Amino acid sequence: MLLLQEFNYEIRDTKDAENPVADHLSSIVCTRGTKGPIYECFPDEQLFIVQSNPWYVDIVNYLVTAKLLEDWNKHDRDRFLHRVKFYI
């Protein structure tokens, strides 16, 4: 806001068919009322967090323990050993 105070600007609103997105958003009725507290976190915010291991986890585990995962087939082991030789 302090940055924008340096400029002289005018905000103009277009109505109806010229700007249907803003018209639709302005016509949404708020069902919660405005007298309650303002919450800074959203209930569904945690749904968008992706928990996954980084790509190098298997390589680091192999370099530390010198053991491969048991559920890999021969092709997966060969491909992994081919990739890991660049990090040894």
PDB file of N, CA and C in Angstrom:
ATOM      1  N   MET A   1       0.816  -1.181   0.000  1.00  0.00           N
ATOM      2  CA  MET A   1       0.000   0.000   0.000  1.00  0.00           C
ATOM      3  C   MET A   1       0.874   1.266   0.000  1.00  0.00           C
ATOM      4  N   LEU A   2       1.963   1.215   0.753  1.00  0.00           N
ATOM      5  CA  LEU A   2       2.867   2.375   0.775  1.00  0.00           C
ATOM      6  C   LEU A   2       3.503   2.612  -0.587  1.00  0.00           C
ATOM      7  N   LEU A   3       3.777   1.550  -1.293  1.00  0.00           N
ATOM      8  CA  LEU A   3       4.363   1.683  -2.618  1.00  0.00           C
ATOM      9  C   LEU A   3       3.380   2.334  -3.589  1.00  0.00           C
ATOM     10  N   LEU A   4       2.122   1.981  -3.494  1.00  0.00           N
ATOM     11  CA  LEU A   4       1.120   2.533  -4.405  1.00  0.00           C
ATOM     12  C   LEU A   4       0.789   3.991  -4.099  1.00  0.00           C
ATOM     13  N   GLN A   5       1.070   4.457  -2.903  1.00  0.00           N
ATOM     14  CA  GLN A   5       0.794   5.846  -2.558  1.00  0.00           C
ATOM     15  C   GLN A   5       1.660   6.817  -3.341  1.00  0.00           C
ATOM     16  N   GLU A   6       2.748   6.347  -3.902  1.00  0.00           N
ATOM     17  CA  GLU A   6       3.625   7.211  -4.686  1.00  0.00           C
ATOM     18  C   GLU A   6       3.020   7.588  -6.029  1.00  0.00           C
ATOM     19  N   PHE A   7       2.024   6.819  -6.492  1.00  0.00           N
ATOM     20  CA  PHE A   7       1.472   7.019  -7.828  1.00  0.00           C
ATOM     21  C   PHE A   7       0.086   7.627  -7.750  1.00  0.00           C
ATOM     22  N   ASN A   8      -0.241   8.398  -8.772  1.00  0.00           N
ATOM     23  CA  ASN A   8      -1.614   8.891  -8.934  1.00  0.00           C
ATOM     24  C   ASN A   8      -2.334   7.914  -9.850  1.00  0.00           C
ATOM     25  N   TYR A   9      -3.366   7.288  -9.348  1.00  0.00           N
ATOM     26  CA  TYR A   9      -4.100   6.315 -10.158  1.00  0.00           C
ATOM     27  C   TYR A   9      -5.576   6.408  -9.831  1.00  0.00           C
ATOM     28  N   GLU A  10      -6.369   5.920 -10.762  1.00  0.00           N
ATOM     29  CA  GLU A  10      -7.817   5.927 -10.608  1.00  0.00           C
ATOM     30  C   GLU A  10      -8.326   4.536 -10.949  1.00  0.00           C
ATOM     31  N   ILE A  11      -9.175   4.004 -10.104  1.00  0.00           N
ATOM     32  CA  ILE A  11      -9.743   2.674 -10.330  1.00  0.00           C
ATOM     33  C   ILE A  11     -11.127   2.849 -10.922  1.00  0.00           C
ATOM     34  N   ARG A  12     -11.349   2.234 -12.079  1.00  0.00           N
ATOM     35  CA  ARG A  12     -12.643   2.299 -12.744  1.00  0.00           C
ATOM     36  C   ARG A  12     -13.224   0.894 -12.812  1.00  0.00           C
ATOM     37  N   ASP A  13     -14.486   0.800 -12.547  1.00  0.00           N
ATOM     38  CA  ASP A  13     -15.176  -0.481 -12.565  1.00  0.00           C
ATOM     39  C   ASP A  13     -16.067  -0.551 -13.794  1.00  0.00           C
ATOM     40  N   THR A  14     -15.988  -1.645 -14.532  1.00  0.00           N
ATOM     41  CA  THR A  14     -16.900  -1.854 -15.659  1.00  0.00           C
ATOM     42  C   THR A  14     -17.987  -2.818 -15.219  1.00  0.00           C
ATOM     43  N   LYS A  15     -19.161  -2.663 -15.729  1.00  0.00           N
ATOM     44  CA  LYS A  15     -20.294  -3.431 -15.252  1.00  0.00           C
ATOM     45  C   LYS A  15     -20.782  -4.425 -16.302  1.00  0.00           C
ATOM     46  N   ASP A  16     -21.501  -5.419 -15.831  1.00  0.00           N
ATOM     47  CA  ASP A  16     -22.249  -6.407 -16.603  1.00  0.00           C
ATOM     48  C   ASP A  16     -21.405  -7.142 -17.636  1.00  0.00           C
ATOM     49  N   ALA A  17     -21.767  -7.062 -18.896  1.00  0.00           N
ATOM     50  CA  ALA A  17     -21.175  -7.887 -19.943  1.00  0.00           C
ATOM     51  C   ALA A  17     -19.726  -7.516 -20.236  1.00  0.00           C
ATOM     52  N   GLU A  18     -19.313  -6.316 -19.908  1.00  0.00           N
ATOM     53  CA  GLU A  18     -17.934  -5.926 -20.179  1.00  0.00           C
ATOM     54  C   GLU A  18     -16.955  -6.638 -19.253  1.00  0.00           C
ATOM     55  N   ASN A  19     -17.385  -6.944 -18.038  1.00  0.00           N
ATOM     56  CA  ASN A  19     -16.520  -7.596 -17.069  1.00  0.00           C
ATOM     57  C   ASN A  19     -17.348  -8.617 -16.272  1.00  0.00           C
ATOM     58  N   PRO A  20     -17.697  -9.764 -16.863  1.00  0.00           N
ATOM     59  CA  PRO A  20     -18.608 -10.709 -16.195  1.00  0.00           C
ATOM     60  C   PRO A  20     -17.999 -11.378 -14.960  1.00  0.00           C
ATOM     61  N   VAL A  21     -16.661 -11.550 -14.915  1.00  0.00           N
ATOM     62  CA  VAL A  21     -16.044 -12.213 -13.769  1.00  0.00           C
ATOM     63  C   VAL A  21     -16.164 -11.343 -12.525  1.00  0.00           C
ATOM     64  N   ALA A  22     -15.809 -10.077 -12.646  1.00  0.00           N
ATOM     65  CA  ALA A  22     -15.908  -9.178 -11.501  1.00  0.00           C
ATOM     66  C   ALA A  22     -17.364  -8.970 -11.101  1.00  0.00           C
ATOM     67  N   ASP A  23     -18.275  -8.937 -12.081  1.00  0.00           N
ATOM     68  CA  ASP A  23     -19.688  -8.779 -11.774  1.00  0.00           C
ATOM     69  C   ASP A  23     -20.200  -9.984 -11.002  1.00  0.00           C
ATOM     70  N   HIS A  24     -19.775 -11.168 -11.397  1.00  0.00           N
ATOM     71  CA  HIS A  24     -20.194 -12.382 -10.692  1.00  0.00           C
ATOM     72  C   HIS A  24     -19.634 -12.419  -9.274  1.00  0.00           C
ATOM     73  N   LEU A  25     -18.371 -12.064  -9.108  1.00  0.00           N
ATOM     74  CA  LEU A  25     -17.756 -12.082  -7.784  1.00  0.00           C
ATOM     75  C   LEU A  25     -18.393 -11.051  -6.853  1.00  0.00           C
ATOM     76  N   SER A  26     -18.797  -9.925  -7.395  1.00  0.00           N
ATOM     77  CA  SER A  26     -19.411  -8.903  -6.549  1.00  0.00           C
ATOM     78  C   SER A  26     -20.831  -9.269  -6.159  1.00  0.00           C
ATOM     79  N   SER A  27     -21.456 -10.202  -6.877  1.00  0.00           N
ATOM     80  CA  SER A  27     -22.832 -10.572  -6.548  1.00  0.00           C
ATOM     81  C   SER A  27     -22.916 -11.783  -5.631  1.00  0.00           C
ATOM     82  N   ILE A  28     -21.796 -12.373  -5.223  1.00  0.00           N
ATOM     83  CA  ILE A  28     -21.812 -13.512  -4.311  1.00  0.00           C
ATOM     84  C   ILE A  28     -22.212 -13.035  -2.918  1.00  0.00           C
ATOM     85  N   VAL A  29     -23.162 -13.748  -2.339  1.00  0.00           N
ATOM     86  CA  VAL A  29     -23.654 -13.377  -1.016  1.00  0.00           C
ATOM     87  C   VAL A  29     -22.803 -14.074   0.039  1.00  0.00           C
ATOM     88  N   CYS A  30     -22.307 -13.329   0.992  1.00  0.00           N
ATOM     89  CA  CYS A  30     -21.513 -13.880   2.078  1.00  0.00           C
ATOM     90  C   CYS A  30     -22.468 -14.428   3.128  1.00  0.00           C
ATOM     91  N   THR A  31     -22.351 -15.712   3.465  1.00  0.00           N
ATOM     92  CA  THR A  31     -23.279 -16.342   4.397  1.00  0.00           C
ATOM     93  C   THR A  31     -22.790 -16.289   5.836  1.00  0.00           C
ATOM     94  N   ARG A  32     -21.518 -15.978   6.064  1.00  0.00           N
ATOM     95  CA  ARG A  32     -20.967 -16.022   7.418  1.00  0.00           C
ATOM     96  C   ARG A  32     -21.139 -14.726   8.191  1.00  0.00           C
ATOM     97  N   GLY A  33     -21.443 -13.670   7.590  1.00  0.00           N
ATOM     98  CA  GLY A  33     -21.529 -12.409   8.320  1.00  0.00           C
ATOM     99  C   GLY A  33     -20.150 -11.814   8.515  1.00  0.00           C
ATOM    100  N   THR A  34     -20.090 -10.539   8.714  1.00  0.00           N
ATOM    101  CA  THR A  34     -18.790  -9.869   8.788  1.00  0.00           C
ATOM    102  C   THR A  34     -18.379  -9.509  10.205  1.00  0.00           C
ATOM    103  N   LYS A  35     -19.166  -9.883  11.214  1.00  0.00           N
ATOM    104  CA  LYS A  35     -18.851  -9.479  12.570  1.00  0.00           C
ATOM    105  C   LYS A  35     -17.909 -10.437  13.289  1.00  0.00           C
ATOM    106  N   GLY A  36     -17.663 -11.613  12.730  1.00  0.00           N
ATOM    107  CA  GLY A  36     -16.801 -12.593  13.374  1.00  0.00           C
ATOM    108  C   GLY A  36     -15.335 -12.286  13.150  1.00  0.00           C
ATOM    109  N   PRO A  37     -14.479 -13.059  13.790  1.00  0.00           N
ATOM    110  CA  PRO A  37     -13.034 -12.843  13.611  1.00  0.00           C
ATOM    111  C   PRO A  37     -12.576 -13.259  12.210  1.00  0.00           C
ATOM    112  N   ILE A  38     -11.466 -12.726  11.792  1.00  0.00           N
ATOM    113  CA  ILE A  38     -10.887 -13.071  10.492  1.00  0.00           C
ATOM    114  C   ILE A  38      -9.883 -14.187  10.707  1.00  0.00           C
ATOM    115  N   TYR A  39     -10.098 -15.302  10.026  1.00  0.00           N
ATOM    116  CA  TYR A  39      -9.208 -16.448  10.146  1.00  0.00           C
ATOM    117  C   TYR A  39      -8.167 -16.403   9.039  1.00  0.00           C
ATOM    118  N   GLU A  40      -6.907 -16.614   9.390  1.00  0.00           N
ATOM    119  CA  GLU A  40      -5.836 -16.540   8.403  1.00  0.00           C
ATOM    120  C   GLU A  40      -5.532 -17.875   7.755  1.00  0.00           C
ATOM    121  N   CYS A  41      -6.092 -18.962   8.238  1.00  0.00           N
ATOM    122  CA  CYS A  41      -5.885 -20.258   7.599  1.00  0.00           C
ATOM    123  C   CYS A  41      -7.227 -20.768   7.092  1.00  0.00           C
ATOM    124  N   PHE A  42      -7.196 -21.517   6.027  1.00  0.00           N
ATOM    125  CA  PHE A  42      -8.400 -22.054   5.422  1.00  0.00           C
ATOM    126  C   PHE A  42      -8.551 -23.516   5.811  1.00  0.00           C
ATOM    127  N   PRO A  43      -9.778 -24.011   5.943  1.00  0.00           N
ATOM    128  CA  PRO A  43      -9.975 -25.398   6.370  1.00  0.00           C
ATOM    129  C   PRO A  43      -9.366 -26.416   5.406  1.00  0.00           C
ATOM    130  N   ASP A  44      -9.380 -26.130   4.111  1.00  0.00           N
ATOM    131  CA  ASP A  44      -8.867 -27.081   3.122  1.00  0.00           C
ATOM    132  C   ASP A  44      -7.418 -26.810   2.742  1.00  0.00           C
ATOM    133  N   GLU A  45      -6.745 -25.940   3.475  1.00  0.00           N
ATOM    134  CA  GLU A  45      -5.383 -25.553   3.123  1.00  0.00           C
ATOM    135  C   GLU A  45      -4.430 -26.748   3.127  1.00  0.00           C
ATOM    136  N   GLN A  46      -4.612 -27.672   4.045  1.00  0.00           N
ATOM    137  CA  GLN A  46      -3.714 -28.814   4.167  1.00  0.00           C
ATOM    138  C   GLN A  46      -3.906 -29.825   3.047  1.00  0.00           C
ATOM    139  N   LEU A  47      -4.996 -29.752   2.301  1.00  0.00           N
ATOM    140  CA  LEU A  47      -5.233 -30.702   1.220  1.00  0.00           C
ATOM    141  C   LEU A  47      -4.239 -30.534   0.082  1.00  0.00           C
ATOM    142  N   PHE A  48      -3.694 -29.354  -0.075  1.00  0.00           N
ATOM    143  CA  PHE A  48      -2.818 -29.075  -1.202  1.00  0.00           C
ATOM    144  C   PHE A  48      -1.346 -29.320  -0.899  1.00  0.00           C
ATOM    145  N   ILE A  49      -1.026 -29.742   0.296  1.00  0.00           N
ATOM    146  CA  ILE A  49       0.359 -30.037   0.647  1.00  0.00           C
ATOM    147  C   ILE A  49       0.699 -31.446   0.162  1.00  0.00           C
ATOM    148  N   VAL A  50       1.755 -31.563  -0.581  1.00  0.00           N
ATOM    149  CA  VAL A  50       2.171 -32.857  -1.104  1.00  0.00           C
ATOM    150  C   VAL A  50       3.373 -33.331  -0.304  1.00  0.00           C
ATOM    151  N   GLN A  51       3.232 -34.477   0.302  1.00  0.00           N
ATOM    152  CA  GLN A  51       4.326 -35.048   1.066  1.00  0.00           C
ATOM    153  C   GLN A  51       4.972 -36.151   0.226  1.00  0.00           C
ATOM    154  N   SER A  52       6.155 -35.943  -0.209  1.00  0.00           N
ATOM    155  CA  SER A  52       6.867 -36.971  -0.952  1.00  0.00           C
ATOM    156  C   SER A  52       8.358 -36.841  -0.660  1.00  0.00           C
ATOM    157  N   ASN A  53       9.048 -37.933  -0.834  1.00  0.00           N
ATOM    158  CA  ASN A  53      10.490 -37.924  -0.612  1.00  0.00           C
ATOM    159  C   ASN A  53      11.183 -37.299  -1.805  1.00  0.00           C
ATOM    160  N   PRO A  54      12.302 -36.630  -1.596  1.00  0.00           N
ATOM    161  CA  PRO A  54      13.050 -36.093  -2.728  1.00  0.00           C
ATOM    162  C   PRO A  54      13.601 -37.219  -3.607  1.00  0.00           C
ATOM    163  N   TRP A  55      14.004 -36.877  -4.798  1.00  0.00           N
ATOM    164  CA  TRP A  55      14.448 -37.873  -5.771  1.00  0.00           C
ATOM    165  C   TRP A  55      15.720 -38.583  -5.339  1.00  0.00           C
ATOM    166  N   TYR A  56      16.504 -38.011  -4.467  1.00  0.00           N
ATOM    167  CA  TYR A  56      17.801 -38.571  -4.103  1.00  0.00           C
ATOM    168  C   TYR A  56      17.771 -39.403  -2.825  1.00  0.00           C
ATOM    169  N   VAL A  57      16.622 -39.671  -2.260  1.00  0.00           N
ATOM    170  CA  VAL A  57      16.533 -40.418  -0.999  1.00  0.00           C
ATOM    171  C   VAL A  57      17.116 -41.814  -1.137  1.00  0.00           C
ATOM    172  N   ASP A  58      16.755 -42.517  -2.198  1.00  0.00           N
ATOM    173  CA  ASP A  58      17.267 -43.877  -2.377  1.00  0.00           C
ATOM    174  C   ASP A  58      18.785 -43.891  -2.566  1.00  0.00           C
ATOM    175  N   ILE A  59      19.298 -42.894  -3.262  1.00  0.00           N
ATOM    176  CA  ILE A  59      20.743 -42.824  -3.490  1.00  0.00           C
ATOM    177  C   ILE A  59      21.480 -42.598  -2.169  1.00  0.00           C
ATOM    178  N   VAL A  60      20.993 -41.688  -1.357  1.00  0.00           N
ATOM    179  CA  VAL A  60      21.638 -41.410  -0.073  1.00  0.00           C
ATOM    180  C   VAL A  60      21.553 -42.630   0.841  1.00  0.00           C
ATOM    181  N   ASN A  61      20.397 -43.268   0.875  1.00  0.00           N
ATOM    182  CA  ASN A  61      20.260 -44.461   1.718  1.00  0.00           C
ATOM    183  C   ASN A  61      21.213 -45.571   1.266  1.00  0.00           C
ATOM    184  N   TYR A  62      21.376 -45.719  -0.033  1.00  0.00           N
ATOM    185  CA  TYR A  62      22.295 -46.740  -0.535  1.00  0.00           C
ATOM    186  C   TYR A  62      23.749 -46.393  -0.188  1.00  0.00           C
ATOM    187  N   LEU A  63      24.115 -45.125  -0.322  1.00  0.00           N
ATOM    188  CA  LEU A  63      25.494 -44.729  -0.025  1.00  0.00           C
ATOM    189  C   LEU A  63      25.814 -44.880   1.453  1.00  0.00           C
ATOM    190  N   VAL A  64      24.836 -44.708   2.312  1.00  0.00           N
ATOM    191  CA  VAL A  64      25.070 -44.819   3.754  1.00  0.00           C
ATOM    192  C   VAL A  64      25.049 -46.267   4.214  1.00  0.00           C
ATOM    193  N   THR A  65      24.072 -47.048   3.747  1.00  0.00           N
ATOM    194  CA  THR A  65      23.909 -48.417   4.256  1.00  0.00           C
ATOM    195  C   THR A  65      24.445 -49.489   3.330  1.00  0.00           C
ATOM    196  N   ALA A  66      24.662 -49.168   2.063  1.00  0.00           N
ATOM    197  CA  ALA A  66      25.109 -50.125   1.045  1.00  0.00           C
ATOM    198  C   ALA A  66      24.104 -51.267   0.856  1.00  0.00           C
ATOM    199  N   LYS A  67      22.814 -50.990   1.085  1.00  0.00           N
ATOM    200  CA  LYS A  67      21.758 -51.983   0.887  1.00  0.00           C
ATOM    201  C   LYS A  67      20.726 -51.443  -0.085  1.00  0.00           C
ATOM    202  N   LEU A  68      20.241 -52.318  -0.958  1.00  0.00           N
ATOM    203  CA  LEU A  68      19.187 -51.966  -1.901  1.00  0.00           C
ATOM    204  C   LEU A  68      17.829 -52.323  -1.307  1.00  0.00           C
ATOM    205  N   LEU A  69      16.803 -51.719  -1.840  1.00  0.00           N
ATOM    206  CA  LEU A  69      15.458 -52.064  -1.397  1.00  0.00           C
ATOM    207  C   LEU A  69      15.124 -53.485  -1.840  1.00  0.00           C
ATOM    208  N   GLU A  70      14.461 -54.218  -0.987  1.00  0.00           N
ATOM    209  CA  GLU A  70      14.177 -55.621  -1.276  1.00  0.00           C
ATOM    210  C   GLU A  70      13.047 -55.810  -2.277  1.00  0.00           C
ATOM    211  N   ASP A  71      12.157 -54.860  -2.392  1.00  0.00           N
ATOM    212  CA  ASP A  71      11.008 -55.035  -3.285  1.00  0.00           C
ATOM    213  C   ASP A  71      11.298 -54.638  -4.733  1.00  0.00           C
ATOM    214  N   TRP A  72      12.539 -54.262  -5.056  1.00  0.00           N
ATOM    215  CA  TRP A  72      12.895 -53.933  -6.431  1.00  0.00           C
ATOM    216  C   TRP A  72      13.152 -55.209  -7.229  1.00  0.00           C
ATOM    217  N   ASN A  73      12.766 -55.190  -8.497  1.00  0.00           N
ATOM    218  CA  ASN A  73      13.108 -56.317  -9.370  1.00  0.00           C
ATOM    219  C   ASN A  73      14.497 -56.078  -9.973  1.00  0.00           C
ATOM    220  N   LYS A  74      14.953 -57.005 -10.792  1.00  0.00           N
ATOM    221  CA  LYS A  74      16.310 -56.931 -11.336  1.00  0.00           C
ATOM    222  C   LYS A  74      16.503 -55.677 -12.196  1.00  0.00           C
ATOM    223  N   HIS A  75      15.512 -55.368 -12.992  1.00  0.00           N
ATOM    224  CA  HIS A  75      15.613 -54.192 -13.859  1.00  0.00           C
ATOM    225  C   HIS A  75      15.750 -52.906 -13.029  1.00  0.00           C
ATOM    226  N   ASP A  76      14.954 -52.778 -11.957  1.00  0.00           N
ATOM    227  CA  ASP A  76      15.037 -51.595 -11.097  1.00  0.00           C
ATOM    228  C   ASP A  76      16.396 -51.505 -10.403  1.00  0.00           C
ATOM    229  N   ARG A  77      16.901 -52.635  -9.931  1.00  0.00           N
ATOM    230  CA  ARG A  77      18.221 -52.637  -9.279  1.00  0.00           C
ATOM    231  C   ARG A  77      19.316 -52.235 -10.257  1.00  0.00           C
ATOM    232  N   ASP A  78      19.287 -52.795 -11.472  1.00  0.00           N
ATOM    233  CA  ASP A  78      20.313 -52.466 -12.469  1.00  0.00           C
ATOM    234  C   ASP A  78      20.264 -50.980 -12.850  1.00  0.00           C
ATOM    235  N   ARG A  79      19.065 -50.480 -13.033  1.00  0.00           N
ATOM    236  CA  ARG A  79      18.922 -49.073 -13.397  1.00  0.00           C
ATOM    237  C   ARG A  79      19.410 -48.172 -12.259  1.00  0.00           C
ATOM    238  N   PHE A  80      19.074 -48.532 -11.026  1.00  0.00           N
ATOM    239  CA  PHE A  80      19.509 -47.746  -9.873  1.00  0.00           C
ATOM    240  C   PHE A  80      21.031 -47.775  -9.735  1.00  0.00           C
ATOM    241  N   LEU A  81      21.638 -48.942  -9.863  1.00  0.00           N
ATOM    242  CA  LEU A  81      23.095 -49.044  -9.739  1.00  0.00           C
ATOM    243  C   LEU A  81      23.802 -48.288 -10.860  1.00  0.00           C
ATOM    244  N   HIS A  82      23.186 -48.228 -12.026  1.00  0.00           N
ATOM    245  CA  HIS A  82      23.757 -47.446 -13.112  1.00  0.00           C
ATOM    246  C   HIS A  82      23.718 -45.952 -12.766  1.00  0.00           C
ATOM    247  N   ARG A  83      22.630 -45.493 -12.170  1.00  0.00           N
ATOM    248  CA  ARG A  83      22.508 -44.075 -11.796  1.00  0.00           C
ATOM    249  C   ARG A  83      23.397 -43.703 -10.620  1.00  0.00           C
ATOM    250  N   VAL A  84      23.505 -44.601  -9.638  1.00  0.00           N
ATOM    251  CA  VAL A  84      24.224 -44.276  -8.414  1.00  0.00           C
ATOM    252  C   VAL A  84      25.730 -44.192  -8.625  1.00  0.00           C
ATOM    253  N   LYS A  85      26.249 -44.802  -9.653  1.00  0.00           N
ATOM    254  CA  LYS A  85      27.698 -44.746  -9.855  1.00  0.00           C
ATOM    255  C   LYS A  85      28.194 -43.335 -10.159  1.00  0.00           C
ATOM    256  N   PHE A  86      27.274 -42.448 -10.578  1.00  0.00           N
ATOM    257  CA  PHE A  86      27.659 -41.060 -10.831  1.00  0.00           C
ATOM    258  C   PHE A  86      27.785 -40.251  -9.531  1.00  0.00           C
ATOM    259  N   TYR A  87      27.295 -40.807  -8.424  1.00  0.00           N
ATOM    260  CA  TYR A  87      27.318 -40.082  -7.143  1.00  0.00           C
ATOM    261  C   TYR A  87      28.325 -40.665  -6.162  1.00  0.00           C
ATOM    262  N   ILE A  88      28.988 -41.734  -6.520  1.00  0.00           N
ATOM    263  CA  ILE A  88      29.969 -42.352  -5.629  1.00  0.00           C
ATOM    264  C   ILE A  88      31.316 -41.689  -5.832  1.00  0.00           C
TER     265      ILE A  88
END
